[in-house]
Protein backbone atom coordinates (compact mmCIF):
# COMPACT_ATOMS: atom_id res chain seq x y z
CA UNK A 1 153.39 -6.54 280.18
CA UNK A 2 152.75 -3.18 277.98
CA UNK A 3 149.07 -2.60 277.70
CA UNK A 4 147.43 -3.70 274.79
CA UNK A 5 146.35 -1.35 271.86
CA UNK A 6 143.06 -1.44 270.13
CA UNK A 7 143.24 -1.16 266.19
CA UNK A 8 141.27 1.54 266.10
CA UNK A 9 143.78 3.73 267.64
CA UNK A 10 146.33 3.98 264.89
CA UNK A 11 143.97 5.39 262.21
CA UNK A 12 141.98 8.61 263.46
CA UNK A 13 138.67 9.14 261.92
CA UNK A 14 139.62 12.94 260.83
CA UNK A 15 142.38 11.43 258.57
CA UNK A 16 139.61 9.21 256.78
CA UNK A 17 137.86 12.77 255.46
CA UNK A 18 140.84 14.28 254.17
CA UNK A 19 141.12 11.98 250.87
CA UNK A 20 137.86 12.50 249.41
CA UNK A 21 138.44 16.25 249.80
CA UNK A 22 141.54 16.64 247.83
CA UNK A 23 140.05 14.32 245.22
CA UNK A 24 136.99 16.63 244.89
CA UNK A 25 139.14 19.78 244.76
CA UNK A 26 141.42 18.31 242.03
CA UNK A 27 138.74 17.00 240.05
CA UNK A 28 136.96 20.46 240.14
CA UNK A 29 140.42 22.21 239.15
CA UNK A 30 140.33 19.44 236.14
CA UNK A 31 136.77 20.26 235.11
CA UNK A 32 137.55 24.46 235.31
CA UNK A 33 140.55 23.79 233.20
CA UNK A 34 138.99 21.45 230.48
CA UNK A 35 135.61 23.71 230.23
CA UNK A 36 136.99 26.24 227.65
CA UNK A 37 137.85 23.16 225.31
CA UNK A 38 134.74 20.98 226.18
CA UNK A 39 132.51 23.85 225.01
CA UNK A 40 134.32 25.91 222.36
CA UNK A 41 131.76 24.73 219.93
CA UNK A 42 128.60 25.81 221.50
CA UNK A 43 128.94 29.55 223.08
CA UNK A 44 126.93 31.83 224.51
CA UNK A 45 127.54 35.41 224.60
CA UNK A 46 126.15 39.07 224.36
CA UNK A 47 126.40 40.72 221.20
CA UNK A 48 125.03 44.06 219.60
CA UNK A 49 123.35 43.24 216.68
CA UNK A 50 123.25 46.00 213.89
CA UNK A 51 121.86 45.67 210.07
CA UNK A 52 122.99 46.58 206.66
CA UNK A 53 121.27 46.56 203.44
CA UNK A 54 122.16 46.30 199.60
CA UNK A 55 119.65 48.79 198.22
CA UNK A 56 116.78 51.22 198.95
CA UNK A 57 118.82 53.91 200.48
CA UNK A 58 122.11 55.39 201.58
CA UNK A 59 124.16 53.40 204.18
CA UNK A 60 125.85 50.76 202.11
CA UNK A 61 129.13 50.60 200.47
CA UNK A 62 129.74 49.04 196.46
CA UNK A 63 130.69 45.82 197.61
CA UNK A 64 127.53 45.10 199.85
CA UNK A 65 125.15 47.06 196.72
CA UNK A 66 127.22 44.13 194.73
CA UNK A 67 126.19 41.11 197.03
CA UNK A 68 130.06 40.59 197.77
CA UNK A 69 131.58 39.58 200.96
CA UNK A 70 134.68 38.99 202.46
CA UNK A 71 134.48 34.76 202.03
CA UNK A 72 133.82 35.10 197.98
CA UNK A 73 129.92 34.18 198.46
CA UNK A 74 126.94 36.29 197.50
CA UNK A 75 125.20 38.23 200.36
CA UNK A 76 121.64 37.17 201.12
CA UNK A 77 119.13 36.99 203.71
CA UNK A 78 120.30 35.09 206.79
CA UNK A 79 124.22 36.42 206.45
CA UNK A 80 125.76 38.58 209.05
CA UNK A 81 128.71 40.21 209.45
CA UNK A 82 131.49 39.13 212.41
CA UNK A 83 135.04 39.58 213.94
CA UNK A 84 136.59 36.52 212.13
CA UNK A 85 139.07 36.18 215.15
CA UNK A 86 136.13 35.91 217.64
CA UNK A 87 133.32 34.13 215.32
CA UNK A 88 135.28 32.12 212.49
CA UNK A 89 133.73 32.03 209.12
CA UNK A 90 131.08 29.34 208.49
CA UNK A 91 129.56 29.42 211.97
CA UNK A 92 126.31 29.61 213.05
CA UNK A 93 124.66 32.64 215.14
CA UNK A 94 121.75 31.47 216.93
CA UNK A 95 119.50 34.29 217.97
CA UNK A 96 116.57 34.37 220.90
CA UNK A 97 113.94 34.29 218.79
CA UNK A 98 115.09 31.09 217.10
CA UNK A 99 116.41 32.81 214.11
CA UNK A 100 119.70 31.46 212.72
CA UNK A 101 122.27 33.45 210.65
CA UNK A 102 125.44 32.43 208.85
CA UNK A 103 128.91 34.12 209.46
CA UNK A 104 130.14 35.17 206.13
CA UNK A 105 131.27 38.78 206.05
CA UNK A 106 133.23 41.10 207.87
CA UNK A 107 134.08 44.88 208.22
CA UNK A 108 136.04 47.54 210.36
CA UNK A 109 133.14 48.89 212.18
CA UNK A 110 132.42 45.06 213.61
CA UNK A 111 135.77 44.14 214.65
CA UNK A 112 136.18 47.73 216.50
CA UNK A 113 132.83 46.88 217.96
CA UNK A 114 132.10 50.88 217.46
CA UNK A 115 128.35 50.31 217.74
CA UNK A 116 128.94 48.31 221.44
CA UNK A 117 130.78 50.73 222.66
CA UNK A 118 129.07 53.69 221.77
CA UNK A 119 125.57 52.31 222.61
CA UNK A 120 126.56 50.26 225.73
CA UNK A 121 125.33 51.75 229.51
CA UNK A 122 127.26 48.96 231.22
CA UNK A 123 131.13 47.55 231.12
CA UNK A 124 129.53 43.90 230.15
CA UNK A 125 127.20 45.91 227.11
CA UNK A 126 130.56 47.95 225.94
CA UNK A 127 132.56 44.70 225.90
CA UNK A 128 129.99 42.80 224.03
CA UNK A 129 130.58 41.59 220.13
CA UNK A 130 129.01 42.95 217.32
CA UNK A 131 127.02 40.88 214.69
CA UNK A 132 126.04 43.07 211.61
CA UNK A 133 123.01 41.33 209.95
CA UNK A 134 122.36 41.83 206.14
CA UNK A 135 119.05 42.70 204.62
CA UNK A 136 118.04 42.97 200.85
CA UNK A 137 116.53 46.60 201.49
CA UNK A 138 116.80 49.31 204.10
CA UNK A 139 112.99 49.56 204.67
CA UNK A 140 113.63 45.52 206.14
CA UNK A 141 116.55 46.45 208.47
CA UNK A 142 115.08 49.16 209.72
CA UNK A 143 111.86 47.42 211.00
CA UNK A 144 113.80 44.26 212.05
CA UNK A 145 116.21 46.55 214.43
CA UNK A 146 113.70 48.50 215.63
CA UNK A 147 111.30 45.65 216.55
CA UNK A 148 114.52 44.05 218.47
CA UNK A 149 116.65 45.18 221.51
CA UNK A 150 120.08 46.63 220.21
CA UNK A 151 121.75 44.04 222.99
CA UNK A 152 120.70 40.25 223.27
CA UNK A 153 122.51 36.66 224.21
CA UNK A 154 123.21 34.94 221.19
CA UNK A 155 124.73 31.45 220.80
CA UNK A 156 127.88 30.46 218.49
CA UNK A 157 127.99 26.97 216.99
CA UNK A 158 131.61 27.03 215.42
CA UNK A 159 132.03 24.69 212.38
CA UNK A 160 133.78 21.33 212.70
CA UNK A 161 136.38 22.26 210.16
CA UNK A 162 137.44 25.35 212.10
CA UNK A 163 138.73 22.33 215.03
CA UNK A 164 140.37 20.13 212.02
CA UNK A 165 142.31 22.91 210.15
CA UNK A 166 145.48 22.46 212.83
CA UNK A 167 145.02 18.63 211.90
CA UNK A 168 145.21 19.32 208.00
CA UNK A 169 147.96 21.76 208.62
CA UNK A 170 150.47 18.90 210.24
CA UNK A 171 149.84 16.60 207.94
CA UNK A 172 150.11 19.14 204.81
CA UNK A 173 153.45 20.12 206.68
CA UNK A 174 154.51 16.17 206.71
CA UNK A 175 153.75 15.42 203.18
CA UNK A 176 155.60 18.34 202.62
CA UNK A 177 158.51 17.15 204.39
CA UNK A 178 158.58 13.45 202.64
CA UNK A 179 158.29 15.40 199.29
CA UNK A 180 161.48 17.32 199.62
CA UNK A 181 163.12 14.05 200.97
CA UNK A 182 162.18 12.26 197.97
CA UNK A 183 163.08 14.87 195.45
CA UNK A 184 166.43 15.38 197.50
CA UNK A 185 167.13 11.32 196.98
CA UNK A 186 167.81 11.27 193.13
CA UNK A 187 170.07 14.59 193.75
CA UNK A 188 172.17 12.64 196.15
CA UNK A 189 172.32 9.61 194.05
CA UNK A 190 173.55 11.57 190.82
CA UNK A 191 175.93 13.23 193.30
CA UNK A 192 177.27 9.91 194.43
CA UNK A 193 177.40 7.94 191.10
CA UNK A 194 180.65 9.75 189.64
CA UNK A 195 182.09 9.17 192.93
CA UNK A 196 181.74 5.43 192.82
CA UNK A 197 182.36 4.96 189.01
CA UNK A 198 185.14 6.99 188.64
CA UNK A 199 188.13 6.00 190.90
CA UNK A 200 191.94 5.18 189.85
CA UNK A 201 192.60 2.55 192.69
CA UNK A 202 191.04 -0.62 190.94
CA UNK A 203 193.23 0.45 187.93
CA UNK A 204 196.43 0.26 190.10
CA UNK A 205 195.47 -2.68 191.96
CA UNK A 206 194.77 -4.33 188.26
CA UNK A 207 198.50 -4.06 187.65
CA UNK A 208 199.95 -5.10 190.77
CA UNK A 209 197.62 -8.48 190.80
CA UNK A 210 199.73 -11.47 190.28
CA UNK A 211 197.30 -13.80 189.14
CA UNK A 212 196.75 -14.30 185.46
CA UNK A 213 194.20 -11.82 184.08
CA UNK A 214 193.66 -9.68 180.68
CA UNK A 215 195.74 -6.62 181.83
CA UNK A 216 199.05 -7.96 181.76
CA UNK A 217 198.36 -9.29 178.19
CA UNK A 218 197.50 -5.74 177.02
CA UNK A 219 200.72 -4.56 178.50
CA UNK A 220 203.05 -7.10 176.62
CA UNK A 221 201.57 -6.38 173.41
CA UNK A 222 202.24 -2.79 173.85
CA UNK A 223 205.78 -3.45 174.93
CA UNK A 224 206.10 -6.22 171.99
CA UNK A 225 206.59 -3.38 168.92
CA UNK A 226 209.42 -1.71 170.46
CA UNK A 227 212.10 -4.60 170.14
CA UNK A 228 210.89 -5.36 166.56
CA UNK A 229 211.58 -1.64 165.39
CA UNK A 230 215.23 -1.79 166.51
CA UNK A 231 215.90 -5.25 165.08
CA UNK A 232 214.85 -3.84 161.83
CA UNK A 233 216.48 -0.86 162.02
CA UNK A 234 219.93 -3.04 162.95
CA UNK A 235 219.19 -5.16 159.33
CA UNK A 236 218.75 -2.43 157.24
CA UNK A 237 222.00 -0.92 158.13
């Protein structure tokens, strides 16, 4: 007789703790992978906030003096210039003091981040984004810039239409494909009609048909005048 074995000997305790640990690890990896997509509409980044103005002194170009921007809107207080590759047009830029700016314009100095690279003391500041805030006059712009720090954390709220653009593009391409197919169908029909209507085979089949039809009568009428002419010619002679 073999010694009797207890049930708990087949399941060690250390094997029970392994599946929960693996599950936590996989769940953490999934959360880290999905984090950029979950929080893409509301981001917090460091920015170097500069100012530009429409009138009151030198420092503004012709388009800014005419209140023109890249998106075609009229520049007014509360607008700012951004890099559309990082912050899309129509986004809201929230400052730490509670002010909200609308991203409607851009510029070369904003895209190359010249102000951040020159005035940044650390690598974190030198890699910051540049936000150029619009003011109506030069005095208002310099007053605000002197009373606020050059670098500040901002929050970017992306518009919903920026995330819906790929879906609209895919729908547009699908509609274009349907339109091209609908325009191609009449062309195919026009090409196929002569092939269907013009075919000499039915004529050959009708001549060889033994049943009574209209085609044998036409053949008899066409051959009947030949012997009549021959008879008349013999009588005249």
